Protein backbone atom coordinates (compact mmCIF):
# COMPACT_ATOMS: atom_id res chain seq x y z
CA MET A 1 -8.05 -11.86 20.72
CA ARG A 2 -9.00 -8.19 20.88
CA THR A 3 -11.55 -6.63 18.55
CA PRO A 4 -10.23 -4.69 15.52
CA HIS A 5 -10.70 -0.93 15.85
CA ILE A 6 -11.41 1.12 12.74
CA VAL A 7 -11.23 4.92 12.50
CA LEU A 8 -13.12 6.69 9.71
CA VAL A 9 -12.29 10.28 8.77
CA SER A 10 -14.55 12.49 6.64
CA GLY A 11 -13.17 15.58 4.92
CA SER A 12 -16.21 17.84 4.48
CA LEU A 13 -17.51 20.60 6.76
CA ARG A 14 -20.93 20.73 5.12
CA SER A 15 -23.63 19.65 7.58
CA ALA A 16 -24.83 16.10 6.81
CA SER A 17 -22.35 15.96 3.93
CA THR A 18 -22.14 13.03 1.56
CA SER A 19 -18.66 12.32 2.97
CA ASP A 20 -19.97 12.15 6.56
CA ARG A 21 -22.87 9.91 5.50
CA VAL A 22 -20.58 7.56 3.53
CA ALA A 23 -18.28 7.32 6.58
CA GLY A 24 -21.33 6.40 8.69
CA TRP A 25 -22.47 3.82 6.09
CA CYS A 26 -19.03 2.17 6.23
CA ALA A 27 -18.93 2.30 10.04
CA ARG A 28 -22.19 0.30 10.16
CA ARG A 29 -20.68 -2.35 7.86
CA PHE A 30 -17.58 -2.57 10.07
CA ALA A 31 -19.75 -2.99 13.17
CA GLU A 32 -21.65 -5.80 11.41
CA GLN A 33 -18.29 -7.54 10.94
CA GLY A 34 -17.41 -7.22 14.63
CA ALA A 35 -15.19 -4.12 14.71
CA THR A 36 -15.36 -1.16 17.03
CA THR A 37 -15.40 2.15 15.17
CA ARG A 38 -14.88 5.85 15.66
CA VAL A 39 -16.11 8.30 13.02
CA PHE A 40 -14.53 11.73 12.78
CA THR A 41 -16.88 13.96 10.80
CA GLY A 42 -15.57 17.03 9.05
CA ALA A 43 -16.64 19.20 12.00
CA ALA A 44 -14.63 16.97 14.37
CA ILE A 45 -11.38 17.50 12.41
CA ASP A 46 -11.70 21.26 11.99
CA PHE A 47 -8.30 21.76 13.64
CA PRO A 48 -6.06 24.83 13.43
CA ALA A 49 -3.55 24.72 10.58
CA TYR A 50 -0.98 22.04 11.34
CA ARG A 51 2.29 22.91 12.99
CA PRO A 52 4.61 20.41 14.74
CA GLY A 53 3.47 19.71 18.29
CA LEU A 54 -0.18 20.72 17.75
CA GLY A 55 -1.31 17.26 18.87
CA ALA A 56 0.19 17.88 22.31
CA THR A 57 -1.53 21.24 22.86
CA HIS A 58 -4.96 20.90 21.20
CA GLU A 59 -7.45 18.66 23.03
CA ALA A 60 -9.52 17.59 20.00
CA ALA A 61 -6.37 16.94 17.96
CA ALA A 62 -4.92 14.84 20.81
CA ASP A 63 -8.13 12.76 20.91
CA TYR A 64 -7.96 12.23 17.15
CA LEU A 65 -4.31 11.16 17.28
CA GLY A 66 -5.05 8.82 20.19
CA GLU A 67 -7.74 7.08 18.13
CA LEU A 68 -5.39 6.76 15.16
CA ARG A 69 -2.67 5.28 17.40
CA ARG A 70 -5.00 2.48 18.52
CA ALA A 71 -6.56 1.95 15.08
CA ASP A 72 -6.06 -1.29 13.19
CA GLY A 73 -7.58 0.24 10.08
CA VAL A 74 -8.41 3.72 8.82
CA VAL A 75 -10.88 4.84 6.16
CA LEU A 76 -10.35 8.21 4.49
CA VAL A 77 -13.39 9.81 2.83
CA SER A 78 -12.86 13.01 0.86
CA PRO A 79 -14.99 15.21 -1.32
CA THR A 80 -13.37 16.07 -4.64
CA TYR A 81 -12.14 19.66 -4.59
CA HIS A 82 -10.43 20.66 -7.85
CA ALA A 83 -9.45 17.02 -8.53
CA THR A 84 -7.80 16.50 -5.14
CA VAL A 85 -8.57 16.03 -1.43
CA SER A 86 -10.14 18.73 0.68
CA GLY A 87 -7.83 21.04 2.60
CA LEU A 88 -9.64 20.03 5.79
CA LEU A 89 -8.71 16.36 5.35
CA LYS A 90 -5.17 17.18 4.22
CA ASN A 91 -4.64 19.27 7.36
CA ALA A 92 -5.92 16.41 9.56
CA LEU A 93 -3.58 14.00 7.78
CA ASP A 94 -0.64 16.41 8.20
CA LEU A 95 -1.31 16.16 11.96
CA VAL A 96 -0.36 12.46 11.74
CA ASN A 97 3.26 13.75 11.68
CA ASP A 98 2.85 14.04 15.47
CA ILE A 99 2.48 10.24 15.84
CA ASP A 100 5.90 8.87 16.65
CA GLY A 101 7.29 5.91 18.55
CA PRO A 102 7.75 2.30 17.42
CA LEU A 103 4.89 2.62 14.90
CA PRO A 104 5.04 6.17 13.52
CA TYR A 105 2.41 7.75 11.30
CA LEU A 106 -0.12 5.05 10.23
CA GLU A 107 2.47 2.32 9.84
CA GLY A 108 0.98 -1.14 9.43
CA ARG A 109 -2.64 0.02 9.29
CA ALA A 110 -5.04 -0.91 6.52
CA ILE A 111 -6.19 2.24 4.69
CA GLY A 112 -9.53 2.31 2.90
CA THR A 113 -10.07 5.21 0.49
CA VAL A 114 -13.27 6.81 -0.78
CA ALA A 115 -13.55 9.85 -3.05
CA ILE A 116 -16.87 11.66 -3.49
CA GLY A 117 -17.42 13.67 -6.66
CA SER A 118 -20.06 14.51 -9.20
CA GLY A 119 -17.63 13.83 -12.05
CA ALA A 120 -15.69 10.61 -12.53
CA GLN A 121 -12.43 12.28 -13.58
CA GLY A 122 -12.10 14.44 -10.47
CA ALA A 123 -13.18 11.65 -8.12
CA VAL A 124 -10.66 9.20 -9.59
CA SER A 125 -7.88 11.80 -9.28
CA THR A 126 -8.86 12.37 -5.64
CA LEU A 127 -8.90 8.62 -5.03
CA THR A 128 -5.38 8.32 -6.44
CA THR A 129 -4.22 11.12 -4.14
CA LEU A 130 -5.77 9.43 -1.10
CA ARG A 131 -3.96 6.20 -1.94
CA THR A 132 -0.66 8.08 -2.39
CA ILE A 133 -1.11 9.77 1.00
CA GLY A 134 -1.90 6.38 2.58
CA HIS A 135 1.40 5.01 1.26
CA ALA A 136 3.30 8.12 2.39
CA LEU A 137 1.91 7.62 5.92
CA ARG A 138 3.28 4.04 5.81
CA GLY A 139 -0.18 2.50 5.65
CA TRP A 140 -1.47 -0.27 3.39
CA PRO A 141 -4.16 1.04 1.02
CA THR A 142 -6.62 -1.70 0.15
CA PRO A 143 -6.69 -3.04 -3.41
CA VAL A 144 -10.23 -1.66 -3.76
CA GLY A 145 -10.67 2.10 -3.46
CA VAL A 146 -14.04 3.65 -4.24
CA ALA A 147 -15.08 6.73 -6.25
CA LEU A 148 -18.73 7.66 -5.67
CA ALA A 149 -21.23 10.33 -6.62
CA GLY A 150 -23.49 9.73 -3.60
CA VAL A 151 -24.36 7.57 -0.61
CA PRO A 152 -25.50 4.03 -1.44
CA ALA A 153 -29.04 3.28 -0.33
CA GLU A 154 -29.46 0.96 2.63
CA PRO A 155 -30.93 -2.23 1.16
CA ALA A 156 -34.24 -3.55 2.41
CA ALA A 157 -34.07 -6.84 4.31
CA GLY A 158 -33.03 -9.61 1.94
CA GLU A 159 -32.29 -7.21 -0.93
CA PRO A 160 -28.83 -6.99 -2.52
CA LEU A 161 -26.62 -3.93 -2.25
CA SER A 162 -26.42 -1.49 -5.15
CA SER A 163 -23.26 -1.63 -7.28
CA GLU A 164 -21.86 1.37 -5.32
CA GLY A 165 -22.73 -0.39 -2.07
CA GLU A 166 -21.01 -3.56 -3.27
CA ARG A 167 -17.79 -1.65 -4.00
CA LEU A 168 -17.85 0.00 -0.58
CA ALA A 169 -18.61 -3.35 1.09
CA GLN A 170 -15.62 -4.89 -0.72
CA MET A 171 -13.35 -2.13 0.54
CA VAL A 172 -14.72 -2.55 4.09
CA SER A 173 -14.08 -6.32 3.94
CA GLN A 174 -10.50 -5.74 2.76
CA VAL A 175 -9.82 -3.26 5.58
CA MET A 176 -11.28 -5.78 8.06
CA TRP A 177 -9.17 -8.64 6.69
CA LEU A 178 -5.98 -6.60 7.06
CA ALA A 179 -7.06 -5.24 10.48
CA ARG A 180 -7.68 -8.78 11.75
CA ALA A 181 -4.25 -9.83 10.47
CA ARG A 182 -2.70 -6.90 12.36
CA VAL A 183 -4.52 -7.89 15.56
CA ALA A 184 -3.44 -11.53 15.17
CA ALA A 185 0.19 -10.54 14.55
CA ALA A 186 0.19 -8.46 17.74
CA ARG A 187 -0.78 -11.42 19.97
CA PRO A 188 1.95 -12.57 22.32
CA SER A 189 3.79 -15.57 20.91
CA LEU A 190 3.08 -18.91 22.54
CA VAL A 191 6.34 -20.36 21.22
CA GLY A 192 8.56 -21.63 24.02
CA LYS A 193 5.88 -21.21 26.71
CA ALA A 194 4.83 -24.14 28.86
CA ALA A 195 1.51 -25.70 27.90
């Protein structure tokens, strides 16, 4: 059985942003569970404003869409800008319109969602928007979505995760469970084949 592939997308252009660091934190947890990962930092998704067909003419956008096509799970990490997602992330998600074929958009992929904000109200609103976008792209948002104010500390050996780390780890595990189910469902059927 092939290894699940998870794509993580951060929506902040600030250098070493909290969003980029949270995406990296999650990518390490996915790798620990046996997945391959690709992290798109905010700088990596600084595409021109979306217009139909951009994915066919812009090299970085084509690479991004190629990774999303092969993804079994996707994690969206956004800073909270005026109680919603960043324009940078929204533009990158609009580009998903260029994924067509038998599985258009993000159909059938697990979608993990993380909102970063200094205030709970704005972060929760952003989290709700991320989940709505995940549904609109035909993905399966995980039951656990996470609103955070910062990056959880990496625990020392043998130490438990912080409460924020536990919530992120739960979301990661749910994305992995759904990604593994997607991989298993894609295996060729053995029914009717000679033993």
